[in-house]
């Protein structure tokens, strides 16, 4: 295992922890190749008592193609996983990226280079957190759609898996609090 892969696994485990997903184990059991698999349990949502399952794959090939996604999808179905994170080494084919739009399961894609540094540990990165639903209703009534936006493609949104329409509280280092809505 390369140093880049070790670092990506470390950042991925921290990211899952920040999303309140408990990591169960890391192994090779699913793969014909040397893909690393991290299995995690998603804690229950506020209004549900069921746990979800997420699988995280460190794709071993240099390029992620459609066959790689199909392999991961079959493992997800076998394990009854609701979502997955696939980390690719160097690149992803255009056809593989396009095929993600046709899949019913939630699959997030990260490049190995994106997981070499944990952005939340940077000294200039402010604390981001989802606003609870009851507070979100207050914000919606108070600002009526006039809040600044946080793009769903933003690094913080991808790290925390913020969804469109969610309200985010950002606490800056000086203690000031600002709000954003994810678009």
Protein backbone atom coordinates (compact mmCIF):
# COMPACT_ATOMS: atom_id res chain seq x y z
CA UNK A 1 0.00 0.00 0.00
CA UNK A 2 1.40 3.37 -1.00
CA UNK A 3 1.71 6.40 1.27
CA UNK A 4 -1.01 8.18 -0.76
CA UNK A 5 -3.42 5.28 -0.18
CA UNK A 6 -2.68 5.22 3.55
CA UNK A 7 -3.31 8.96 3.78
CA UNK A 8 -6.54 8.68 1.75
CA UNK A 9 -7.80 5.92 4.06
CA UNK A 10 -6.95 8.03 7.11
CA UNK A 11 -8.80 11.10 5.75
CA UNK A 12 -11.71 8.93 4.59
CA UNK A 13 -12.06 7.39 8.07
CA UNK A 14 -12.05 10.88 9.62
CA UNK A 15 -14.63 12.06 7.06
CA UNK A 16 -16.91 9.14 7.91
CA UNK A 17 -16.51 9.90 11.61
CA UNK A 18 -17.40 13.57 10.99
CA UNK A 19 -20.53 12.36 9.17
CA UNK A 20 -21.39 10.28 12.27
CA UNK A 21 -20.73 6.98 10.51
CA UNK A 22 -19.02 4.34 12.62
CA UNK A 23 -16.36 2.42 10.72
CA UNK A 24 -16.61 -1.34 11.15
CA UNK A 25 -13.57 -2.67 9.33
CA UNK A 26 -11.17 -2.42 6.44
CA UNK A 27 -10.44 -5.50 4.33
CA UNK A 28 -9.94 -7.06 0.92
CA UNK A 29 -12.57 -9.80 1.04
CA UNK A 30 -14.84 -8.50 -1.74
CA UNK A 31 -12.34 -7.86 -4.42
CA UNK A 32 -10.61 -9.97 -7.04
CA UNK A 33 -7.94 -7.28 -7.08
CA UNK A 34 -6.41 -5.32 -4.24
CA UNK A 35 -9.22 -2.81 -3.71
CA UNK A 36 -9.55 -1.78 -0.09
CA UNK A 37 -13.05 -1.82 1.34
CA UNK A 38 -14.23 0.13 4.38
CA UNK A 39 -17.61 -0.83 5.78
CA UNK A 40 -19.49 1.63 7.98
CA UNK A 41 -22.82 1.90 9.77
CA UNK A 42 -24.75 5.12 9.37
CA UNK A 43 -26.31 6.25 12.64
CA UNK A 44 -30.09 6.61 12.67
CA UNK A 45 -31.62 9.79 11.39
CA UNK A 46 -33.59 11.95 13.81
CA UNK A 47 -36.92 10.35 12.92
CA UNK A 48 -35.81 6.79 12.12
CA UNK A 49 -34.51 3.86 14.15
CA UNK A 50 -32.89 1.94 11.31
CA UNK A 51 -29.20 1.89 10.54
CA UNK A 52 -27.88 2.23 7.02
CA UNK A 53 -24.78 0.69 5.52
CA UNK A 54 -22.10 2.47 3.51
CA UNK A 55 -19.21 0.84 1.68
CA UNK A 56 -16.07 2.79 0.80
CA UNK A 57 -13.80 1.47 -1.93
CA UNK A 58 -10.22 2.47 -2.65
CA UNK A 59 -10.09 1.48 -6.34
CA UNK A 60 -6.79 -0.21 -7.13
CA UNK A 61 -6.59 0.46 -10.90
CA UNK A 62 -5.14 3.70 -12.21
CA UNK A 63 -8.36 4.57 -14.05
CA UNK A 64 -11.95 4.03 -12.85
CA UNK A 65 -14.14 2.75 -15.69
CA UNK A 66 -17.70 1.44 -16.06
CA UNK A 67 -16.67 -2.11 -15.18
CA UNK A 68 -15.15 -0.87 -11.92
CA UNK A 69 -18.42 0.84 -11.03
CA UNK A 70 -20.42 -2.27 -11.95
CA UNK A 71 -18.19 -4.38 -9.70
CA UNK A 72 -18.73 -2.01 -6.79
CA UNK A 73 -22.46 -1.90 -7.47
CA UNK A 74 -22.74 -5.71 -7.34
CA UNK A 75 -20.94 -5.71 -3.98
CA UNK A 76 -23.35 -3.01 -2.74
CA UNK A 77 -26.34 -5.11 -3.77
CA UNK A 78 -24.85 -8.22 -2.16
CA UNK A 79 -24.31 -6.38 1.13
CA UNK A 80 -27.60 -4.39 0.90
CA UNK A 81 -25.62 -1.17 1.17
CA UNK A 82 -27.53 2.04 0.52
CA UNK A 83 -24.57 4.16 -0.46
CA UNK A 84 -20.91 3.99 -1.38
CA UNK A 85 -17.83 6.13 -1.72
CA UNK A 86 -15.35 5.24 -4.45
CA UNK A 87 -11.85 6.69 -4.35
CA UNK A 88 -10.01 6.45 -7.66
CA UNK A 89 -6.25 6.84 -8.14
CA UNK A 90 -5.61 8.98 -11.23
CA UNK A 91 -8.65 9.44 -13.43
CA UNK A 92 -12.17 8.39 -14.25
CA UNK A 93 -13.49 7.73 -17.72
CA UNK A 94 -16.21 10.01 -19.09
CA UNK A 95 -18.50 7.05 -19.68
CA UNK A 96 -18.10 5.95 -16.05
CA UNK A 97 -18.95 9.46 -14.83
CA UNK A 98 -22.00 9.52 -17.10
CA UNK A 99 -23.16 6.09 -15.90
CA UNK A 100 -23.39 7.37 -12.31
CA UNK A 101 -26.47 9.36 -13.30
CA UNK A 102 -28.34 6.18 -14.24
CA UNK A 103 -27.67 4.28 -11.00
CA UNK A 104 -30.35 4.06 -8.32
CA UNK A 105 -27.85 3.82 -5.47
CA UNK A 106 -26.05 6.81 -4.00
CA UNK A 107 -22.40 6.69 -5.02
CA UNK A 108 -19.94 9.47 -4.20
CA UNK A 109 -16.69 9.76 -6.13
CA UNK A 110 -13.44 11.23 -4.81
CA UNK A 111 -10.02 11.39 -6.41
CA UNK A 112 -7.08 10.12 -4.37
CA UNK A 113 -5.59 13.62 -4.56
CA UNK A 114 -8.72 15.10 -2.92
CA UNK A 115 -8.18 12.94 0.16
CA UNK A 116 -4.53 13.72 0.80
CA UNK A 117 -5.37 16.63 3.11
CA UNK A 118 -8.26 16.89 5.53
CA UNK A 119 -9.70 20.32 4.73
CA UNK A 120 -11.46 20.57 8.09
CA UNK A 121 -8.11 20.49 9.90
CA UNK A 122 -6.80 23.60 8.13
CA UNK A 123 -6.38 26.61 10.43
CA UNK A 124 -8.53 28.82 8.19
CA UNK A 125 -11.41 26.36 7.77
CA UNK A 126 -14.41 27.40 9.90
CA UNK A 127 -16.69 24.91 11.63
CA UNK A 128 -19.61 23.77 9.42
CA UNK A 129 -22.71 22.03 10.78
CA UNK A 130 -26.22 21.24 9.61
CA UNK A 131 -28.96 23.32 11.16
CA UNK A 132 -31.63 21.17 12.88
CA UNK A 133 -35.01 21.05 11.12
CA UNK A 134 -36.85 23.22 13.66
CA UNK A 135 -34.17 25.93 13.45
CA UNK A 136 -34.14 25.63 9.65
CA UNK A 137 -37.85 26.54 9.56
CA UNK A 138 -37.07 29.68 11.58
CA UNK A 139 -34.29 30.63 9.17
CA UNK A 140 -36.55 30.01 6.20
CA UNK A 141 -39.24 32.28 7.62
CA UNK A 142 -36.77 34.95 8.72
CA UNK A 143 -34.70 35.22 5.52
CA UNK A 144 -37.22 34.01 2.91
CA UNK A 145 -34.61 32.71 0.45
CA UNK A 146 -32.20 35.62 0.86
CA UNK A 147 -29.37 33.62 2.42
CA UNK A 148 -26.08 33.28 0.56
CA UNK A 149 -25.55 29.88 -1.01
CA UNK A 150 -23.05 27.09 -0.46
CA UNK A 151 -22.68 25.00 -3.60
CA UNK A 152 -23.23 21.26 -3.31
CA UNK A 153 -19.96 20.87 -5.25
CA UNK A 154 -18.02 22.88 -2.64
CA UNK A 155 -15.30 20.92 -0.84
CA UNK A 156 -17.04 21.36 2.53
CA UNK A 157 -20.38 20.19 1.10
CA UNK A 158 -18.78 17.10 -0.39
CA UNK A 159 -16.81 16.35 2.78
CA UNK A 160 -19.86 16.53 5.06
CA UNK A 161 -22.32 15.29 2.38
CA UNK A 162 -24.57 18.33 2.67
CA UNK A 163 -27.72 18.00 0.57
CA UNK A 164 -29.42 20.67 -1.53
CA UNK A 165 -31.90 22.71 0.48
CA UNK A 166 -30.17 22.15 3.84
CA UNK A 167 -29.23 25.09 6.00
CA UNK A 168 -25.64 25.23 7.24
CA UNK A 169 -24.33 27.11 10.29
CA UNK A 170 -20.75 28.28 9.87
CA UNK A 171 -18.92 29.35 13.02
CA UNK A 172 -15.87 31.44 12.20
CA UNK A 173 -12.70 31.55 14.29
CA UNK A 174 -13.67 34.96 15.73
CA UNK A 175 -16.93 33.45 17.06
CA UNK A 176 -19.25 35.03 14.50
CA UNK A 177 -21.96 32.80 13.06
CA UNK A 178 -23.21 32.91 9.49
CA UNK A 179 -25.75 30.77 7.65
CA UNK A 180 -25.79 29.35 4.14
CA UNK A 181 -28.24 27.30 2.13
CA UNK A 182 -26.92 24.47 -0.02
CA UNK A 183 -27.77 24.77 -3.73
